[in-house]
Amino acid sequence: MKTDQQIIDDCNQLANSFGCMRGWIDRPDFKYYEATHPEEVACWAMAVHAYDHIEGTDVQEVLDNMETK
């Protein structure tokens, strides 16, 4: 079973992959879940949706739980 941090890291990697597919520079350390630029926010949203679809995990709920700890 993955930890909350592993789930967020996996989803963030997925968001980064979506950005790279759009021709952006690989930024593996960028926190897409903290992004404010609309395209970066969209990559995070797509990653959250894809992760939930594949893993059945509500990533936003995991992130919210981490922030309240």
PDB file of N, CA and C in Angstrom:
ATOM      1  N   MET A   1       0.839  -1.182   0.000  1.00  0.00           N
ATOM      2  CA  MET A   1       0.000   0.000   0.000  1.00  0.00           C
ATOM      3  C   MET A   1       0.888   1.251   0.000  1.00  0.00           C
ATOM      4  N   LYS A   2       0.524   2.202  -0.825  1.00  0.00           N
ATOM      5  CA  LYS A   2       1.320   3.428  -0.952  1.00  0.00           C
ATOM      6  C   LYS A   2       0.988   4.412   0.169  1.00  0.00           C
ATOM      7  N   THR A   3       2.002   5.170   0.564  1.00  0.00           N
ATOM      8  CA  THR A   3       1.777   6.240   1.531  1.00  0.00           C
ATOM      9  C   THR A   3       1.123   7.419   0.810  1.00  0.00           C
ATOM     10  N   ASP A   4       0.569   8.337   1.571  1.00  0.00           N
ATOM     11  CA  ASP A   4      -0.015   9.537   0.983  1.00  0.00           C
ATOM     12  C   ASP A   4       1.005  10.282   0.140  1.00  0.00           C
ATOM     13  N   GLN A   5       2.229  10.392   0.658  1.00  0.00           N
ATOM     14  CA  GLN A   5       3.272  11.118  -0.074  1.00  0.00           C
ATOM     15  C   GLN A   5       3.612  10.424  -1.383  1.00  0.00           C
ATOM     16  N   GLN A   6       3.638   9.102  -1.391  1.00  0.00           N
ATOM     17  CA  GLN A   6       3.915   8.364  -2.624  1.00  0.00           C
ATOM     18  C   GLN A   6       2.813   8.600  -3.662  1.00  0.00           C
ATOM     19  N   ILE A   7       1.575   8.659  -3.222  1.00  0.00           N
ATOM     20  CA  ILE A   7       0.450   8.915  -4.127  1.00  0.00           C
ATOM     21  C   ILE A   7       0.589  10.301  -4.749  1.00  0.00           C
ATOM     22  N   ILE A   8       0.882  11.295  -3.920  1.00  0.00           N
ATOM     23  CA  ILE A   8       1.041  12.664  -4.419  1.00  0.00           C
ATOM     24  C   ILE A   8       2.234  12.732  -5.368  1.00  0.00           C
ATOM     25  N   ASP A   9       3.331  12.089  -5.015  1.00  0.00           N
ATOM     26  CA  ASP A   9       4.518  12.088  -5.879  1.00  0.00           C
ATOM     27  C   ASP A   9       4.219  11.424  -7.221  1.00  0.00           C
ATOM     28  N   ASP A  10       3.511  10.286  -7.189  1.00  0.00           N
ATOM     29  CA  ASP A  10       3.142   9.600  -8.434  1.00  0.00           C
ATOM     30  C   ASP A  10       2.275  10.485  -9.317  1.00  0.00           C
ATOM     31  N   CYS A  11       1.291  11.121  -8.717  1.00  0.00           N
ATOM     32  CA  CYS A  11       0.384  11.979  -9.478  1.00  0.00           C
ATOM     33  C   CYS A  11       1.116  13.203 -10.009  1.00  0.00           C
ATOM     34  N   ASN A  12       2.036  13.729  -9.228  1.00  0.00           N
ATOM     35  CA  ASN A  12       2.819  14.877  -9.667  1.00  0.00           C
ATOM     36  C   ASN A  12       3.705  14.495 -10.855  1.00  0.00           C
ATOM     37  N   GLN A  13       4.261  13.288 -10.826  1.00  0.00           N
ATOM     38  CA  GLN A  13       5.056  12.788 -11.952  1.00  0.00           C
ATOM     39  C   GLN A  13       4.193  12.674 -13.203  1.00  0.00           C
ATOM     40  N   LEU A  14       2.964  12.220 -13.006  1.00  0.00           N
ATOM     41  CA  LEU A  14       2.043  12.100 -14.129  1.00  0.00           C
ATOM     42  C   LEU A  14       1.726  13.480 -14.712  1.00  0.00           C
ATOM     43  N   ALA A  15       1.496  14.460 -13.855  1.00  0.00           N
ATOM     44  CA  ALA A  15       1.255  15.833 -14.319  1.00  0.00           C
ATOM     45  C   ALA A  15       2.467  16.356 -15.087  1.00  0.00           C
ATOM     46  N   ASN A  16       3.657  16.062 -14.586  1.00  0.00           N
ATOM     47  CA  ASN A  16       4.875  16.473 -15.275  1.00  0.00           C
ATOM     48  C   ASN A  16       4.962  15.806 -16.652  1.00  0.00           C
ATOM     49  N   SER A  17       4.585  14.536 -16.720  1.00  0.00           N
ATOM     50  CA  SER A  17       4.586  13.823 -18.005  1.00  0.00           C
ATOM     51  C   SER A  17       3.634  14.477 -18.990  1.00  0.00           C
ATOM     52  N   PHE A  18       2.457  14.883 -18.512  1.00  0.00           N
ATOM     53  CA  PHE A  18       1.501  15.570 -19.379  1.00  0.00           C
ATOM     54  C   PHE A  18       2.098  16.882 -19.880  1.00  0.00           C
ATOM     55  N   GLY A  19       2.792  17.590 -19.008  1.00  0.00           N
ATOM     56  CA  GLY A  19       3.462  18.825 -19.428  1.00  0.00           C
ATOM     57  C   GLY A  19       4.525  18.567 -20.476  1.00  0.00           C
ATOM     58  N   CYS A  20       5.310  17.519 -20.288  1.00  0.00           N
ATOM     59  CA  CYS A  20       6.351  17.159 -21.265  1.00  0.00           C
ATOM     60  C   CYS A  20       5.728  16.793 -22.608  1.00  0.00           C
ATOM     61  N   MET A  21       4.571  16.144 -22.575  1.00  0.00           N
ATOM     62  CA  MET A  21       3.877  15.790 -23.810  1.00  0.00           C
ATOM     63  C   MET A  21       3.433  17.047 -24.563  1.00  0.00           C
ATOM     64  N   ARG A  22       3.291  18.149 -23.841  1.00  0.00           N
ATOM     65  CA  ARG A  22       2.905  19.423 -24.450  1.00  0.00           C
ATOM     66  C   ARG A  22       4.132  20.205 -24.917  1.00  0.00           C
ATOM     67  N   GLY A  23       5.318  19.619 -24.739  1.00  0.00           N
ATOM     68  CA  GLY A  23       6.542  20.264 -25.190  1.00  0.00           C
ATOM     69  C   GLY A  23       7.255  21.073 -24.131  1.00  0.00           C
ATOM     70  N   TRP A  24       6.812  20.977 -22.898  1.00  0.00           N
ATOM     71  CA  TRP A  24       7.459  21.715 -21.813  1.00  0.00           C
ATOM     72  C   TRP A  24       8.743  21.012 -21.390  1.00  0.00           C
ATOM     73  N   ILE A  25       9.594  21.751 -20.719  1.00  0.00           N
ATOM     74  CA  ILE A  25      10.825  21.207 -20.152  1.00  0.00           C
ATOM     75  C   ILE A  25      10.460  20.296 -18.983  1.00  0.00           C
ATOM     76  N   ASP A  26      11.146  19.179 -18.875  1.00  0.00           N
ATOM     77  CA  ASP A  26      10.938  18.238 -17.772  1.00  0.00           C
ATOM     78  C   ASP A  26      11.269  18.931 -16.456  1.00  0.00           C
ATOM     79  N   ARG A  27      10.285  18.988 -15.560  1.00  0.00           N
ATOM     80  CA  ARG A  27      10.478  19.609 -14.244  1.00  0.00           C
ATOM     81  C   ARG A  27      10.006  18.645 -13.156  1.00  0.00           C
ATOM     82  N   PRO A  28      10.760  17.607 -12.895  1.00  0.00           N
ATOM     83  CA  PRO A  28      10.310  16.586 -11.946  1.00  0.00           C
ATOM     84  C   PRO A  28      10.134  17.086 -10.516  1.00  0.00           C
ATOM     85  N   ASP A  29      10.783  18.176 -10.154  1.00  0.00           N
ATOM     86  CA  ASP A  29      10.671  18.691  -8.788  1.00  0.00           C
ATOM     87  C   ASP A  29       9.601  19.772  -8.635  1.00  0.00           C
ATOM     88  N   PHE A  30       8.970  20.159  -9.745  1.00  0.00           N
ATOM     89  CA  PHE A  30       7.921  21.171  -9.685  1.00  0.00           C
ATOM     90  C   PHE A  30       6.682  20.573  -9.034  1.00  0.00           C
ATOM     91  N   LYS A  31       6.067  21.323  -8.129  1.00  0.00           N
ATOM     92  CA  LYS A  31       4.870  20.849  -7.423  1.00  0.00           C
ATOM     93  C   LYS A  31       3.635  21.340  -8.175  1.00  0.00           C
ATOM     94  N   TYR A  32       3.145  20.501  -9.070  1.00  0.00           N
ATOM     95  CA  TYR A  32       1.985  20.871  -9.877  1.00  0.00           C
ATOM     96  C   TYR A  32       0.759  21.130  -9.018  1.00  0.00           C
ATOM     97  N   TYR A  33       0.674  20.515  -7.870  1.00  0.00           N
ATOM     98  CA  TYR A  33      -0.469  20.722  -6.979  1.00  0.00           C
ATOM     99  C   TYR A  33      -0.451  22.096  -6.321  1.00  0.00           C
ATOM    100  N   GLU A  34       0.640  22.837  -6.476  1.00  0.00           N
ATOM    101  CA  GLU A  34       0.721  24.210  -5.978  1.00  0.00           C
ATOM    102  C   GLU A  34       0.694  25.228  -7.121  1.00  0.00           C
ATOM    103  N   ALA A  35       0.518  24.748  -8.337  1.00  0.00           N
ATOM    104  CA  ALA A  35       0.577  25.615  -9.521  1.00  0.00           C
ATOM    105  C   ALA A  35      -0.555  26.631  -9.534  1.00  0.00           C
ATOM    106  N   THR A  36      -0.262  27.781 -10.155  1.00  0.00           N
ATOM    107  CA  THR A  36      -1.283  28.814 -10.346  1.00  0.00           C
ATOM    108  C   THR A  36      -1.516  29.114 -11.825  1.00  0.00           C
ATOM    109  N   HIS A  37      -0.555  28.740 -12.670  1.00  0.00           N
ATOM    110  CA  HIS A  37      -0.711  28.964 -14.103  1.00  0.00           C
ATOM    111  C   HIS A  37      -1.790  28.007 -14.626  1.00  0.00           C
ATOM    112  N   PRO A  38      -2.729  28.507 -15.416  1.00  0.00           N
ATOM    113  CA  PRO A  38      -3.850  27.669 -15.862  1.00  0.00           C
ATOM    114  C   PRO A  38      -3.446  26.367 -16.555  1.00  0.00           C
ATOM    115  N   GLU A  39      -2.396  26.381 -17.340  1.00  0.00           N
ATOM    116  CA  GLU A  39      -1.987  25.149 -18.030  1.00  0.00           C
ATOM    117  C   GLU A  39      -1.363  24.146 -17.063  1.00  0.00           C
ATOM    118  N   GLU A  40      -0.628  24.626 -16.080  1.00  0.00           N
ATOM    119  CA  GLU A  40      -0.060  23.737 -15.067  1.00  0.00           C
ATOM    120  C   GLU A  40      -1.166  23.168 -14.190  1.00  0.00           C
ATOM    121  N   VAL A  41      -2.124  24.015 -13.847  1.00  0.00           N
ATOM    122  CA  VAL A  41      -3.283  23.569 -13.070  1.00  0.00           C
ATOM    123  C   VAL A  41      -4.041  22.489 -13.849  1.00  0.00           C
ATOM    124  N   ALA A  42      -4.178  22.683 -15.154  1.00  0.00           N
ATOM    125  CA  ALA A  42      -4.865  21.704 -15.998  1.00  0.00           C
ATOM    126  C   ALA A  42      -4.109  20.377 -16.020  1.00  0.00           C
ATOM    127  N   CYS A  43      -2.791  20.423 -16.077  1.00  0.00           N
ATOM    128  CA  CYS A  43      -2.007  19.181 -16.056  1.00  0.00           C
ATOM    129  C   CYS A  43      -2.224  18.436 -14.745  1.00  0.00           C
ATOM    130  N   TRP A  44      -2.261  19.169 -13.645  1.00  0.00           N
ATOM    131  CA  TRP A  44      -2.522  18.537 -12.346  1.00  0.00           C
ATOM    132  C   TRP A  44      -3.927  17.926 -12.335  1.00  0.00           C
ATOM    133  N   ALA A  45      -4.916  18.656 -12.823  1.00  0.00           N
ATOM    134  CA  ALA A  45      -6.290  18.149 -12.848  1.00  0.00           C
ATOM    135  C   ALA A  45      -6.399  16.888 -13.703  1.00  0.00           C
ATOM    136  N   MET A  46      -5.719  16.872 -14.840  1.00  0.00           N
ATOM    137  CA  MET A  46      -5.737  15.680 -15.698  1.00  0.00           C
ATOM    138  C   MET A  46      -5.072  14.501 -14.991  1.00  0.00           C
ATOM    139  N   ALA A  47      -3.973  14.774 -14.300  1.00  0.00           N
ATOM    140  CA  ALA A  47      -3.274  13.713 -13.583  1.00  0.00           C
ATOM    141  C   ALA A  47      -4.134  13.154 -12.456  1.00  0.00           C
ATOM    142  N   VAL A  48      -4.816  14.033 -11.722  1.00  0.00           N
ATOM    143  CA  VAL A  48      -5.711  13.601 -10.648  1.00  0.00           C
ATOM    144  C   VAL A  48      -6.813  12.706 -11.223  1.00  0.00           C
ATOM    145  N   HIS A  49      -7.392  13.136 -12.322  1.00  0.00           N
ATOM    146  CA  HIS A  49      -8.464  12.358 -12.949  1.00  0.00           C
ATOM    147  C   HIS A  49      -7.938  10.996 -13.425  1.00  0.00           C
ATOM    148  N   ALA A  50      -6.794  10.994 -14.093  1.00  0.00           N
ATOM    149  CA  ALA A  50      -6.222   9.746 -14.600  1.00  0.00           C
ATOM    150  C   ALA A  50      -5.856   8.806 -13.455  1.00  0.00           C
ATOM    151  N   TYR A  51      -5.261   9.349 -12.414  1.00  0.00           N
ATOM    152  CA  TYR A  51      -4.854   8.518 -11.281  1.00  0.00           C
ATOM    153  C   TYR A  51      -6.071   7.888 -10.618  1.00  0.00           C
ATOM    154  N   ASP A  52      -7.120   8.677 -10.449  1.00  0.00           N
ATOM    155  CA  ASP A  52      -8.355   8.156  -9.860  1.00  0.00           C
ATOM    156  C   ASP A  52      -8.950   7.069 -10.753  1.00  0.00           C
ATOM    157  N   HIS A  53      -8.940   7.306 -12.041  1.00  0.00           N
ATOM    158  CA  HIS A  53      -9.505   6.340 -12.988  1.00  0.00           C
ATOM    159  C   HIS A  53      -8.743   5.009 -12.944  1.00  0.00           C
ATOM    160  N   ILE A  54      -7.425   5.080 -12.869  1.00  0.00           N
ATOM    161  CA  ILE A  54      -6.605   3.873 -12.907  1.00  0.00           C
ATOM    162  C   ILE A  54      -6.498   3.211 -11.534  1.00  0.00           C
ATOM    163  N   GLU A  55      -6.239   4.015 -10.511  1.00  0.00           N
ATOM    164  CA  GLU A  55      -5.975   3.472  -9.175  1.00  0.00           C
ATOM    165  C   GLU A  55      -7.207   3.467  -8.258  1.00  0.00           C
ATOM    166  N   GLY A  56      -8.228   4.250  -8.616  1.00  0.00           N
ATOM    167  CA  GLY A  56      -9.399   4.355  -7.744  1.00  0.00           C
ATOM    168  C   GLY A  56      -9.111   5.132  -6.472  1.00  0.00           C
ATOM    169  N   THR A  57      -8.196   6.078  -6.581  1.00  0.00           N
ATOM    170  CA  THR A  57      -7.773   6.879  -5.434  1.00  0.00           C
ATOM    171  C   THR A  57      -8.094   8.345  -5.684  1.00  0.00           C
ATOM    172  N   ASP A  58      -8.775   8.974  -4.731  1.00  0.00           N
ATOM    173  CA  ASP A  58      -9.082  10.397  -4.833  1.00  0.00           C
ATOM    174  C   ASP A  58      -7.861  11.177  -4.366  1.00  0.00           C
ATOM    175  N   VAL A  59      -7.036  11.571  -5.309  1.00  0.00           N
ATOM    176  CA  VAL A  59      -5.762  12.229  -5.001  1.00  0.00           C
ATOM    177  C   VAL A  59      -5.981  13.548  -4.282  1.00  0.00           C
ATOM    178  N   GLN A  60      -6.980  14.296  -4.696  1.00  0.00           N
ATOM    179  CA  GLN A  60      -7.230  15.580  -4.041  1.00  0.00           C
ATOM    180  C   GLN A  60      -7.590  15.384  -2.571  1.00  0.00           C
ATOM    181  N   GLU A  61      -8.329  14.329  -2.276  1.00  0.00           N
ATOM    182  CA  GLU A  61      -8.648  14.028  -0.886  1.00  0.00           C
ATOM    183  C   GLU A  61      -7.389  13.668  -0.104  1.00  0.00           C
ATOM    184  N   VAL A  62      -6.495  12.899  -0.712  1.00  0.00           N
ATOM    185  CA  VAL A  62      -5.221  12.563  -0.084  1.00  0.00           C
ATOM    186  C   VAL A  62      -4.420  13.819   0.196  1.00  0.00           C
ATOM    187  N   LEU A  63      -4.351  14.714  -0.787  1.00  0.00           N
ATOM    188  CA  LEU A  63      -3.608  15.965  -0.621  1.00  0.00           C
ATOM    189  C   LEU A  63      -4.233  16.823   0.479  1.00  0.00           C
ATOM    190  N   ASP A  64      -5.554  16.924   0.482  1.00  0.00           N
ATOM    191  CA  ASP A  64      -6.238  17.692   1.524  1.00  0.00           C
ATOM    192  C   ASP A  64      -5.946  17.120   2.907  1.00  0.00           C
ATOM    193  N   ASN A  65      -5.946  15.795   3.031  1.00  0.00           N
ATOM    194  CA  ASN A  65      -5.652  15.158   4.306  1.00  0.00           C
ATOM    195  C   ASN A  65      -4.227  15.432   4.750  1.00  0.00           C
ATOM    196  N   MET A  66      -3.292  15.443   3.815  1.00  0.00           N
ATOM    197  CA  MET A  66      -1.889  15.735   4.145  1.00  0.00           C
ATOM    198  C   MET A  66      -1.729  17.159   4.654  1.00  0.00           C
ATOM    199  N   GLU A  67      -2.470  18.080   4.062  1.00  0.00           N
ATOM    200  CA  GLU A  67      -2.353  19.496   4.433  1.00  0.00           C
ATOM    201  C   GLU A  67      -2.960  19.779   5.800  1.00  0.00           C
ATOM    202  N   THR A  68      -3.891  18.941   6.251  1.00  0.00           N
ATOM    203  CA  THR A  68      -4.523  19.173   7.548  1.00  0.00           C
ATOM    204  C   THR A  68      -3.778  18.480   8.690  1.00  0.00           C
ATOM    205  N   LYS A  69      -2.775  17.680   8.341  1.00  0.00           N
ATOM    206  CA  LYS A  69      -2.002  16.973   9.387  1.00  0.00           C
ATOM    207  C   LYS A  69      -0.973  17.879   9.989  1.00  0.00           C
TER     208      LYS A  69
END
